[in-house]
Each structure stands twice: as C-alpha cells, then as structure tokens.
C-alpha atoms as a PDB file:
ATOM      1  CA  MET A   1      10.609  22.183  33.115  1.00  0.00           C
ATOM      2  CA  ILE A   2      10.766  18.437  33.635  1.00  0.00           C
ATOM      3  CA  PRO A   3       9.260  16.774  30.580  1.00  0.00           C
ATOM      4  CA  ILE A   4       6.108  14.387  31.406  1.00  0.00           C
ATOM      5  CA  LEU A   5       7.260  10.810  30.655  1.00  0.00           C
ATOM      6  CA  ILE A   6       4.539   8.822  28.943  1.00  0.00           C
ATOM      7  CA  ASN A   7       4.894   4.993  28.619  1.00  0.00           C
ATOM      8  CA  SER A   8       1.170   4.226  27.499  1.00  0.00           C
ATOM      9  CA  ILE A   9       0.145   4.442  23.812  1.00  0.00           C
ATOM     10  CA  GLU A  10      -3.358   5.198  24.913  1.00  0.00           C
ATOM     11  CA  GLU A  11      -2.432   7.841  27.242  1.00  0.00           C
ATOM     12  CA  MET A  12      -0.065   9.593  24.699  1.00  0.00           C
ATOM     13  CA  SER A  13      -2.780   9.455  22.014  1.00  0.00           C
ATOM     14  CA  THR A  14      -5.450  10.949  24.539  1.00  0.00           C
ATOM     15  CA  ILE A  15      -3.067  13.872  25.449  1.00  0.00           C
ATOM     16  CA  CYS A  16      -2.183  14.570  21.838  1.00  0.00           C
ATOM     17  CA  ARG A  17      -5.922  14.776  20.753  1.00  0.00           C
ATOM     18  CA  GLN A  18      -6.446  17.482  23.491  1.00  0.00           C
ATOM     19  CA  MET A  19      -3.483  19.590  22.577  1.00  0.00           C
ATOM     20  CA  ILE A  20      -3.744  23.206  21.493  1.00  0.00           C
ATOM     21  CA  GLY A  21      -1.011  24.737  19.050  1.00  0.00           C
ATOM     22  CA  LYS A  22       1.396  23.152  16.683  1.00  0.00           C
ATOM     23  CA  VAL A  23       2.914  19.911  17.823  1.00  0.00           C
ATOM     24  CA  GLY A  24       6.593  19.321  16.997  1.00  0.00           C
ATOM     25  CA  PHE A  25       7.780  15.639  17.197  1.00  0.00           C
ATOM     26  CA  VAL A  26      11.374  14.350  17.035  1.00  0.00           C
ATOM     27  CA  PRO A  27      11.519  10.448  16.977  1.00  0.00           C
ATOM     28  CA  THR A  28      14.730   9.045  18.299  1.00  0.00           C
ATOM     29  CA  MET A  29      16.273   5.673  19.464  1.00  0.00           C
ATOM     30  CA  GLY A  30      17.643   7.471  22.567  1.00  0.00           C
ATOM     31  CA  PHE A  31      21.269   7.863  23.645  1.00  0.00           C
ATOM     32  CA  LEU A  32      20.990  11.452  22.430  1.00  0.00           C
ATOM     33  CA  HIS A  33      23.759  13.542  21.040  1.00  0.00           C
ATOM     34  CA  GLN A  34      23.923  17.062  19.814  1.00  0.00           C
ATOM     35  CA  GLY A  35      22.622  16.097  16.456  1.00  0.00           C
ATOM     36  CA  HIS A  36      19.423  14.875  18.182  1.00  0.00           C
ATOM     37  CA  LEU A  37      19.320  18.032  20.359  1.00  0.00           C
ATOM     38  CA  SER A  38      19.654  20.352  17.271  1.00  0.00           C
ATOM     39  CA  LEU A  39      16.358  18.642  15.959  1.00  0.00           C
ATOM     40  CA  VAL A  40      14.599  19.484  19.264  1.00  0.00           C
ATOM     41  CA  LYS A  41      15.943  23.160  19.030  1.00  0.00           C
ATOM     42  CA  GLU A  42      14.438  23.601  15.562  1.00  0.00           C
ATOM     43  CA  ALA A  43      11.249  22.061  16.849  1.00  0.00           C
ATOM     44  CA  LYS A  44      11.030  24.598  19.515  1.00  0.00           C
ATOM     45  CA  ARG A  45      11.592  27.444  16.829  1.00  0.00           C
ATOM     46  CA  ILE A  46       8.476  26.571  15.061  1.00  0.00           C
ATOM     47  CA  SER A  47       6.241  24.381  17.358  1.00  0.00           C
ATOM     48  CA  ASP A  48       4.128  25.086  20.429  1.00  0.00           C
ATOM     49  CA  VAL A  49       4.491  21.678  22.029  1.00  0.00           C
ATOM     50  CA  ILE A  50       7.438  19.290  21.827  1.00  0.00           C
ATOM     51  CA  ILE A  51       7.246  15.600  21.965  1.00  0.00           C
ATOM     52  CA  VAL A  52      10.420  13.358  21.713  1.00  0.00           C
ATOM     53  CA  SER A  53      10.069   9.559  21.344  1.00  0.00           C
ATOM     54  CA  ILE A  54      12.725   7.317  22.707  1.00  0.00           C
ATOM     55  CA  PHE A  55      12.307   3.736  21.348  1.00  0.00           C
ATOM     56  CA  VAL A  56      14.970   1.290  20.195  1.00  0.00           C
ATOM     57  CA  ASN A  57      12.975  -0.155  17.244  1.00  0.00           C
ATOM     58  CA  PRO A  58      13.819  -3.842  16.918  1.00  0.00           C
ATOM     59  CA  THR A  59      12.224  -4.327  13.494  1.00  0.00           C
ATOM     60  CA  GLN A  60      14.610  -1.936  11.623  1.00  0.00           C
ATOM     61  CA  PHE A  61      17.756  -4.203  12.923  1.00  0.00           C
ATOM     62  CA  GLY A  62      18.790  -7.008  10.670  1.00  0.00           C
ATOM     63  CA  ALA A  63      20.233 -10.297  11.678  1.00  0.00           C
ATOM     64  CA  ASN A  64      23.695 -10.002  13.333  1.00  0.00           C
ATOM     65  CA  GLU A  65      23.151  -6.248  13.703  1.00  0.00           C
ATOM     66  CA  ASP A  66      23.695  -4.378  16.937  1.00  0.00           C
ATOM     67  CA  LEU A  67      20.230  -4.401  18.561  1.00  0.00           C
ATOM     68  CA  SER A  68      21.237  -6.010  21.820  1.00  0.00           C
ATOM     69  CA  ASN A  69      24.329  -3.687  22.237  1.00  0.00           C
ATOM     70  CA  TYR A  70      22.724  -0.601  21.002  1.00  0.00           C
ATOM     71  CA  PRO A  71      23.629   2.173  23.449  1.00  0.00           C
ATOM     72  CA  ARG A  72      20.875   3.143  26.007  1.00  0.00           C
ATOM     73  CA  ASN A  73      20.934   5.650  28.898  1.00  0.00           C
ATOM     74  CA  ILE A  74      17.342   6.915  29.471  1.00  0.00           C
ATOM     75  CA  GLU A  75      18.347   8.898  32.680  1.00  0.00           C
ATOM     76  CA  ARG A  76      20.871  11.059  30.704  1.00  0.00           C
ATOM     77  CA  ASP A  77      18.434  11.455  27.872  1.00  0.00           C
ATOM     78  CA  ILE A  78      15.750  12.823  30.267  1.00  0.00           C
ATOM     79  CA  LYS A  79      18.239  15.212  31.708  1.00  0.00           C
ATOM     80  CA  LEU A  80      19.272  16.559  28.331  1.00  0.00           C
ATOM     81  CA  LEU A  81      15.666  16.922  27.248  1.00  0.00           C
ATOM     82  CA  THR A  82      14.870  18.550  30.615  1.00  0.00           C
ATOM     83  CA  GLU A  83      17.461  21.228  29.868  1.00  0.00           C
ATOM     84  CA  LEU A  84      15.711  21.922  26.480  1.00  0.00           C
ATOM     85  CA  ASP A  85      12.202  22.361  28.040  1.00  0.00           C
ATOM     86  CA  VAL A  86      10.746  19.522  25.955  1.00  0.00           C
ATOM     87  CA  ASP A  87       7.115  18.905  27.135  1.00  0.00           C
ATOM     88  CA  TYR A  88       6.631  15.081  26.735  1.00  0.00           C
ATOM     89  CA  ILE A  89       8.919  12.170  26.246  1.00  0.00           C
ATOM     90  CA  PHE A  90       7.152   9.106  24.818  1.00  0.00           C
ATOM     91  CA  PHE A  91       8.925   5.948  26.017  1.00  0.00           C
ATOM     92  CA  PRO A  92       6.865   2.761  24.977  1.00  0.00           C
ATOM     93  CA  THR A  93       7.856  -0.798  25.475  1.00  0.00           C
ATOM     94  CA  ASN A  94       8.367  -3.241  22.759  1.00  0.00           C
ATOM     95  CA  GLU A  95       5.322  -5.278  23.830  1.00  0.00           C
ATOM     96  CA  GLN A  96       3.127  -2.163  23.298  1.00  0.00           C
ATOM     97  CA  MET A  97       4.494  -1.339  20.070  1.00  0.00           C
ATOM     98  CA  TYR A  98       4.731  -4.945  18.585  1.00  0.00           C
ATOM     99  CA  PRO A  99       2.199  -7.145  20.629  1.00  0.00           C
ATOM    100  CA  ASN A 100       2.244 -10.882  19.906  1.00  0.00           C
ATOM    101  CA  ASP A 101      -0.444 -10.658  17.368  1.00  0.00           C
ATOM    102  CA  PHE A 102       1.286  -7.856  15.132  1.00  0.00           C
ATOM    103  CA  LYS A 103       0.946  -8.629  11.483  1.00  0.00           C
ATOM    104  CA  THR A 104       1.038  -5.326   9.428  1.00  0.00           C
ATOM    105  CA  TRP A 105       3.891  -3.810   7.875  1.00  0.00           C
ATOM    106  CA  VAL A 106       4.389  -0.529   5.827  1.00  0.00           C
ATOM    107  CA  ASN A 107       6.437  -0.998   2.742  1.00  0.00           C
ATOM    108  CA  VAL A 108       7.677   1.841   0.268  1.00  0.00           C
ATOM    109  CA  ASP A 109       8.928   0.315  -3.163  1.00  0.00           C
ATOM    110  CA  LYS A 110      11.897   1.006  -5.189  1.00  0.00           C
ATOM    111  CA  ILE A 111      13.559   3.634  -3.147  1.00  0.00           C
ATOM    112  CA  THR A 112      14.166   1.391  -0.150  1.00  0.00           C
ATOM    113  CA  GLN A 113      16.085  -1.140  -2.330  1.00  0.00           C
ATOM    114  CA  VAL A 114      19.065   1.169  -3.162  1.00  0.00           C
ATOM    115  CA  LEU A 115      21.810   2.442  -0.894  1.00  0.00           C
ATOM    116  CA  CYS A 116      21.440   1.150   2.500  1.00  0.00           C
ATOM    117  CA  GLY A 117      18.480  -0.967   1.506  1.00  0.00           C
ATOM    118  CA  ARG A 118      20.849  -3.196  -0.593  1.00  0.00           C
ATOM    119  CA  SER A 119      22.682  -4.498   2.301  1.00  0.00           C
ATOM    120  CA  ARG A 120      19.841  -3.961   4.868  1.00  0.00           C
ATOM    121  CA  PRO A 121      16.943  -5.409   3.066  1.00  0.00           C
ATOM    122  CA  THR A 122      14.415  -5.280   5.972  1.00  0.00           C
ATOM    123  CA  HIS A 123      15.603  -2.057   7.453  1.00  0.00           C
ATOM    124  CA  PHE A 124      13.361   0.316   5.938  1.00  0.00           C
ATOM    125  CA  ARG A 125      10.232  -1.757   6.322  1.00  0.00           C
ATOM    126  CA  GLY A 126      10.925  -1.398   9.991  1.00  0.00           C
ATOM    127  CA  VAL A 127      11.519   2.298   9.819  1.00  0.00           C
ATOM    128  CA  THR A 128       8.376   3.144   7.902  1.00  0.00           C
ATOM    129  CA  THR A 129       6.161   1.001   9.927  1.00  0.00           C
ATOM    130  CA  ILE A 130       7.343   2.379  13.491  1.00  0.00           C
ATOM    131  CA  VAL A 131       7.252   5.965  11.972  1.00  0.00           C
ATOM    132  CA  THR A 132       3.691   5.215  10.735  1.00  0.00           C
ATOM    133  CA  LYS A 133       2.721   3.935  14.351  1.00  0.00           C
ATOM    134  CA  LEU A 134       4.314   7.098  15.962  1.00  0.00           C
ATOM    135  CA  MET A 135       2.562   9.546  13.674  1.00  0.00           C
ATOM    136  CA  ASN A 136      -0.865   7.770  14.185  1.00  0.00           C
ATOM    137  CA  ILE A 137      -0.426   7.990  17.909  1.00  0.00           C
ATOM    138  CA  ILE A 138       0.976  11.626  18.148  1.00  0.00           C
ATOM    139  CA  GLU A 139      -0.530  13.218  15.084  1.00  0.00           C
ATOM    140  CA  PRO A 140       2.215  15.917  14.844  1.00  0.00           C
ATOM    141  CA  ASP A 141       2.130  18.906  12.673  1.00  0.00           C
ATOM    142  CA  PHE A 142       5.842  18.669  12.197  1.00  0.00           C
ATOM    143  CA  MET A 143       8.411  15.792  12.369  1.00  0.00           C
ATOM    144  CA  PHE A 144      12.057  16.639  12.563  1.00  0.00           C
ATOM    145  CA  MET A 145      14.753  14.448  10.980  1.00  0.00           C
ATOM    146  CA  GLY A 146      18.307  14.853  10.213  1.00  0.00           C
ATOM    147  CA  GLU A 147      19.867  14.806   6.823  1.00  0.00           C
ATOM    148  CA  LYS A 148      22.610  12.320   7.972  1.00  0.00           C
ATOM    149  CA  ASP A 149      20.177   9.590   7.240  1.00  0.00           C
ATOM    150  CA  PHE A 150      19.349  11.004   3.859  1.00  0.00           C
ATOM    151  CA  GLN A 151      17.718   7.942   2.323  1.00  0.00           C
ATOM    152  CA  GLN A 152      15.530   7.594   5.449  1.00  0.00           C
ATOM    153  CA  LEU A 153      14.365  11.226   5.028  1.00  0.00           C
ATOM    154  CA  VAL A 154      13.546  10.632   1.333  1.00  0.00           C
ATOM    155  CA  VAL A 155      11.587   7.422   2.120  1.00  0.00           C
ATOM    156  CA  LEU A 156       9.688   8.827   4.768  1.00  0.00           C
ATOM    157  CA  ARG A 157       8.699  11.938   2.817  1.00  0.00           C
ATOM    158  CA  GLN A 158       7.471   9.653   0.003  1.00  0.00           C
ATOM    159  CA  MET A 159       5.471   7.660   2.568  1.00  0.00           C
ATOM    160  CA  VAL A 160       3.892  10.743   4.061  1.00  0.00           C
ATOM    161  CA  LYS A 161       3.003  12.074   0.714  1.00  0.00           C
ATOM    162  CA  ASP A 162       1.482   8.475  -0.532  1.00  0.00           C
ATOM    163  CA  LEU A 163      -0.475   7.938   2.611  1.00  0.00           C
ATOM    164  CA  ASN A 164      -1.808  11.542   2.992  1.00  0.00           C
ATOM    165  CA  PHE A 165      -0.481  12.088   6.338  1.00  0.00           C
ATOM    166  CA  LYS A 166      -0.877  15.665   7.597  1.00  0.00           C
ATOM    167  CA  THR A 167       2.501  15.810   9.165  1.00  0.00           C
ATOM    168  CA  LYS A 168       5.343  17.906   7.400  1.00  0.00           C
ATOM    169  CA  ILE A 169       8.737  16.419   7.616  1.00  0.00           C
ATOM    170  CA  VAL A 170      11.328  18.964   8.304  1.00  0.00           C
ATOM    171  CA  GLY A 171      14.860  18.034   7.255  1.00  0.00           C
ATOM    172  CA  CYS A 172      17.702  19.440   9.343  1.00  0.00           C
ATOM    173  CA  SER A 173      21.510  19.587   8.344  1.00  0.00           C
ATOM    174  CA  ILE A 174      24.011  17.226   9.487  1.00  0.00           C
ATOM    175  CA  LYS A 175      25.672  18.022  12.752  1.00  0.00           C
ATOM    176  CA  ARG A 176      29.535  17.135  13.121  1.00  0.00           C
ATOM    177  CA  GLU A 177      32.225  16.990  15.556  1.00  0.00           C
ATOM    178  CA  ARG A 178      34.943  19.662  15.347  1.00  0.00           C
ATOM    179  CA  ASP A 179      37.089  17.295  13.245  1.00  0.00           C
ATOM    180  CA  GLY A 180      34.216  16.584  10.718  1.00  0.00           C
ATOM    181  CA  LEU A 181      32.959  13.294  12.059  1.00  0.00           C
ATOM    182  CA  ALA A 182      29.057  13.112  11.765  1.00  0.00           C
ATOM    183  CA  LEU A 183      27.338  12.765  15.129  1.00  0.00           C
ATOM    184  CA  SER A 184      25.997   9.205  15.561  1.00  0.00           C
ATOM    185  CA  SER A 185      25.178   7.016  18.654  1.00  0.00           C
ATOM    186  CA  ARG A 186      27.368   4.402  17.216  1.00  0.00           C
ATOM    187  CA  ASN A 187      30.443   6.499  17.318  1.00  0.00           C
ATOM    188  CA  LYS A 188      30.811   5.332  20.875  1.00  0.00           C
ATOM    189  CA  TYR A 189      31.834   1.792  19.635  1.00  0.00           C
ATOM    190  CA  LEU A 190      34.971   3.105  18.068  1.00  0.00           C
ATOM    191  CA  THR A 191      38.372   2.912  19.856  1.00  0.00           C
ATOM    192  CA  LYS A 192      40.610   6.141  19.645  1.00  0.00           C
ATOM    193  CA  ILE A 193      42.330   4.627  16.683  1.00  0.00           C
ATOM    194  CA  GLY A 194      39.181   3.748  15.008  1.00  0.00           C
ATOM    195  CA  ARG A 195      37.879   7.200  15.531  1.00  0.00           C
ATOM    196  CA  GLU A 196      40.808   8.675  13.704  1.00  0.00           C
ATOM    197  CA  LYS A 197      40.135   6.310  10.932  1.00  0.00           C
ATOM    198  CA  ALA A 198      36.455   7.123  10.626  1.00  0.00           C
ATOM    199  CA  LEU A 199      37.311  10.730   9.767  1.00  0.00           C
ATOM    200  CA  CYS A 200      37.907   9.278   6.272  1.00  0.00           C
ATOM    201  CA  LEU A 201      34.180   9.176   5.613  1.00  0.00           C
ATOM    202  CA  ASN A 202      33.879  13.137   5.883  1.00  0.00           C
ATOM    203  CA  LYS A 203      37.356  13.545   4.283  1.00  0.00           C
ATOM    204  CA  SER A 204      36.326  11.506   1.240  1.00  0.00           C
ATOM    205  CA  LEU A 205      33.088  13.559   0.899  1.00  0.00           C
ATOM    206  CA  LEU A 206      35.092  16.867   1.109  1.00  0.00           C
ATOM    207  CA  LEU A 207      37.486  15.295  -1.698  1.00  0.00           C
ATOM    208  CA  ALA A 208      34.431  14.647  -3.823  1.00  0.00           C
ATOM    209  CA  GLN A 209      33.423  18.293  -3.444  1.00  0.00           C
ATOM    210  CA  LYS A 210      37.073  19.410  -4.360  1.00  0.00           C
ATOM    211  CA  LEU A 211      37.213  17.234  -7.382  1.00  0.00           C
ATOM    212  CA  PHE A 212      33.886  18.654  -8.558  1.00  0.00           C
ATOM    213  CA  ASN A 213      35.195  22.154  -8.088  1.00  0.00           C
ATOM    214  CA  GLU A 214      38.101  21.158 -10.369  1.00  0.00           C
ATOM    215  CA  ASN A 215      35.588  20.337 -13.047  1.00  0.00           C
ATOM    216  CA  ILE A 216      35.574  16.597 -12.523  1.00  0.00           C
ATOM    217  CA  GLN A 217      32.041  15.323 -12.854  1.00  0.00           C
ATOM    218  CA  SER A 218      32.400  11.607 -13.651  1.00  0.00           C
ATOM    219  CA  SER A 219      30.950   9.805 -10.604  1.00  0.00           C
ATOM    220  CA  ASP A 220      33.152   6.816 -11.422  1.00  0.00           C
ATOM    221  CA  GLU A 221      36.263   8.902 -11.302  1.00  0.00           C
ATOM    222  CA  ILE A 222      35.404  10.639  -8.010  1.00  0.00           C
ATOM    223  CA  ILE A 223      34.266   7.437  -6.395  1.00  0.00           C
ATOM    224  CA  ALA A 224      37.438   5.746  -7.514  1.00  0.00           C
ATOM    225  CA  GLN A 225      39.493   8.286  -5.550  1.00  0.00           C
ATOM    226  CA  MET A 226      37.191   8.390  -2.478  1.00  0.00           C
ATOM    227  CA  THR A 227      37.637   4.455  -2.390  1.00  0.00           C
ATOM    228  CA  ASP A 228      41.440   4.803  -2.398  1.00  0.00           C
ATOM    229  CA  LEU A 229      41.119   7.390   0.474  1.00  0.00           C
ATOM    230  CA  ILE A 230      38.889   5.107   2.573  1.00  0.00           C
ATOM    231  CA  GLU A 231      40.841   1.971   1.795  1.00  0.00           C
ATOM    232  CA  ASP A 232      43.963   3.623   3.032  1.00  0.00           C
ATOM    233  CA  ASN A 233      42.258   4.203   6.398  1.00  0.00           C
ATOM    234  CA  GLU A 234      41.224   0.427   6.462  1.00  0.00           C
ATOM    235  CA  GLY A 235      37.580   1.329   5.881  1.00  0.00           C
ATOM    236  CA  VAL A 236      35.451  -1.522   4.481  1.00  0.00           C
ATOM    237  CA  ILE A 237      33.117  -0.116   1.946  1.00  0.00           C
ATOM    238  CA  ASP A 238      29.464  -1.155   1.927  1.00  0.00           C
ATOM    239  CA  TYR A 239      28.697   1.409  -0.831  1.00  0.00           C
ATOM    240  CA  ILE A 240      29.743   4.867  -2.220  1.00  0.00           C
ATOM    241  CA  GLU A 241      26.961   6.251  -4.570  1.00  0.00           C
ATOM    242  CA  ALA A 242      26.264   9.528  -6.413  1.00  0.00           C
ATOM    243  CA  PHE A 243      22.497  10.004  -6.986  1.00  0.00           C
ATOM    244  CA  ASP A 244      19.675  12.302  -7.546  1.00  0.00           C
ATOM    245  CA  PRO A 245      18.549  13.686  -4.185  1.00  0.00           C
ATOM    246  CA  ASN A 246      14.769  13.292  -5.174  1.00  0.00           C
ATOM    247  CA  THR A 247      14.735   9.813  -6.793  1.00  0.00           C
ATOM    248  CA  LEU A 248      17.819   8.230  -5.194  1.00  0.00           C
ATOM    249  CA  GLU A 249      18.666   7.062  -8.720  1.00  0.00           C
ATOM    250  CA  HIS A 250      22.247   6.516  -9.495  1.00  0.00           C
ATOM    251  CA  ILE A 251      23.969   9.401 -11.731  1.00  0.00           C
ATOM    252  CA  THR A 252      27.069   9.048 -13.947  1.00  0.00           C
ATOM    253  CA  ASN A 253      27.660  12.679 -14.164  1.00  0.00           C
ATOM    254  CA  ILE A 254      27.510  14.824 -10.888  1.00  0.00           C
ATOM    255  CA  VAL A 255      25.970  18.202 -11.186  1.00  0.00           C
ATOM    256  CA  SER A 256      25.352  20.963  -8.332  1.00  0.00           C
ATOM    257  CA  GLY A 257      22.725  19.636  -6.130  1.00  0.00           C
ATOM    258  CA  SER A 258      23.625  15.955  -6.484  1.00  0.00           C
ATOM    259  CA  ARG A 259      24.299  13.874  -3.432  1.00  0.00           C
ATOM    260  CA  ILE A 260      26.920  11.504  -2.683  1.00  0.00           C
ATOM    261  CA  ALA A 261      26.379   9.087   0.152  1.00  0.00           C
ATOM    262  CA  LEU A 262      28.363   6.249   1.572  1.00  0.00           C
ATOM    263  CA  ALA A 263      28.270   3.519   4.310  1.00  0.00           C
ATOM    264  CA  ILE A 264      31.592   2.371   5.667  1.00  0.00           C
ATOM    265  CA  VAL A 265      32.493  -0.162   8.235  1.00  0.00           C
ATOM    266  CA  ILE A 266      35.147   0.767  10.660  1.00  0.00           C
ATOM    267  CA  GLU A 267      36.119  -1.697  13.343  1.00  0.00           C
ATOM    268  CA  ASN A 268      32.997  -3.605  12.725  1.00  0.00           C
ATOM    269  CA  THR A 269      30.929  -0.535  13.201  1.00  0.00           C
ATOM    270  CA  ARG A 270      28.733   0.653  10.304  1.00  0.00           C
ATOM    271  CA  LEU A 271      28.859   4.357   9.636  1.00  0.00           C
ATOM    272  CA  ILE A 272      26.983   6.592   7.172  1.00  0.00           C
ATOM    273  CA  ASP A 273      27.480  10.071   5.864  1.00  0.00           C
ATOM    274  CA  ASN A 274      26.664  12.130   2.891  1.00  0.00           C
ATOM    275  CA  ILE A 275      27.255  15.483   1.202  1.00  0.00           C
ATOM    276  CA  LYS A 276      25.233  17.850  -1.180  1.00  0.00           C
ATOM    277  CA  ILE A 277      27.565  18.791  -3.968  1.00  0.00           C
ATOM    278  CA  ASN A 278      27.464  22.547  -4.578  1.00  0.00           C
END
C-alpha cells in the first residue's frame, strides 16, 4: 500500500478527526534508518492507523549546527514506509509550521537544562514546540519514540502529563548496528576511520556496566574510566552523566536502573547514546 502524502496542516487535521480506531504516530526528521522503522513496526502492533511525519524542524537546531546539511531523501523515505504499509506521511513545509507571525513557544523547565540542554540551550524548546503542534494536528492515541534520545523522551512525557494531552508516549529500545553503534541519521557524516572511533560510545557504556557488575558504584570512578576510553579514540566529550531516569538528576552512586548517557563529538559530528544499568 502506498501511503497518502499530506502536505497541508488543514487536510491532515481534517482526516485525523474522521479516523476510526487507534492512531499511532511516529514523528521523524526523515532520512529514515532501521531505528525509525522499528518504531513504525511497534506502532503497527498496537495501532489501527499509522501516521509518520517527516519534518526537519529548524527550531531545534542551534547556531552553527547542521540544519542546512542535515541528510534528506524523501523519495527513499516514502519507499521504506510503503514497504511497511504506513497509512499517511505528513510532510509539511517550514512556512506552514512556522509562519512569519509565529510567536508561541512551549518550554519545560529544569529537566531541559541538564545533559544535552547545557550545550544546546534552545534545543528542547524547539522539540517541545514542534511536538505540541504535531500532536494538536494529528491527535494520536500513541506516539512512538526511541530511547536513544532518552532526555527527549523524559521531557516529552513531562510535557504530555503537564498539558493533559491524551496521547500516550511509547518508548522503544535503542537499535544498533551489528558492531554496537547506535543507529543515527548523523552516522553518514563519519568517514570509515571516524565510524570505527565512534564505537567508543557503546564500548564505554558497556564498560560502565562491567564496572558496576564488579561492584564499582561510584559514578566518578566509572565516568573517569569511560573518559579514558573515549579520549583514547580521539572523542571530544560534551558530557558523560549518571542520572536518575525519572528526574534526570545527577547521582554519585549508581544503582540498578540508573542511566548513564553521553554526548561525544567524533570528526565534528555530535553523537549521543545511553544505557540502563542492570
């Protein structure tokens, strides 16, 4: 089945108001990989109608970030979504989503100011605003998001709770290449050598789990060893943080269920990953 491609906000909203059954929604910025497609597959498992949005949201990019170079291939995306029998692809323009008189922003306090929010201070304002707009247009029963962007998942769950949206956010596990590298649209920026170096992200997270298994619970001690591994691979560290998965607050002693997340720059490409410590 070929998905119906919708460019108009009004048309998408009208169609959604007439839908029967549970609506599953997967928001993306396109250039789809198997991580995105795993979200679609999970949506198909529990939803009757599947909608995927493709919109490279300019307001979540900061100054000197990769908005203009962000990978795009709508024809390939449509082909992949057709193979999964997606019902609708929502593909709005910047002018529709952010008209010239646009003045309204959605902010979530505190939990947007840590981790990625420290170095990308306007990022989550852009994320929460665009997701609010998309949920208002589509009014889905479920929205599917990957755990690779764990802070984003926590922030959006808080927003949905605080603003009384009916949508349930379904978090889905991180999908990786066979060698452990977390799937990301930005992986295409890496050279062959850079991609090998980027494996240090997952290797450092597995090291953290190994150290915890050896009864080392100090986050400082674990992060110090992770830092050595990453710097040995010429990674530039934005942050490595151990935190409570519900509040995102820093923890000094890691316990089962804690999260460790990191953001590392390899060959000028910023990559993120995280692990749940068991």
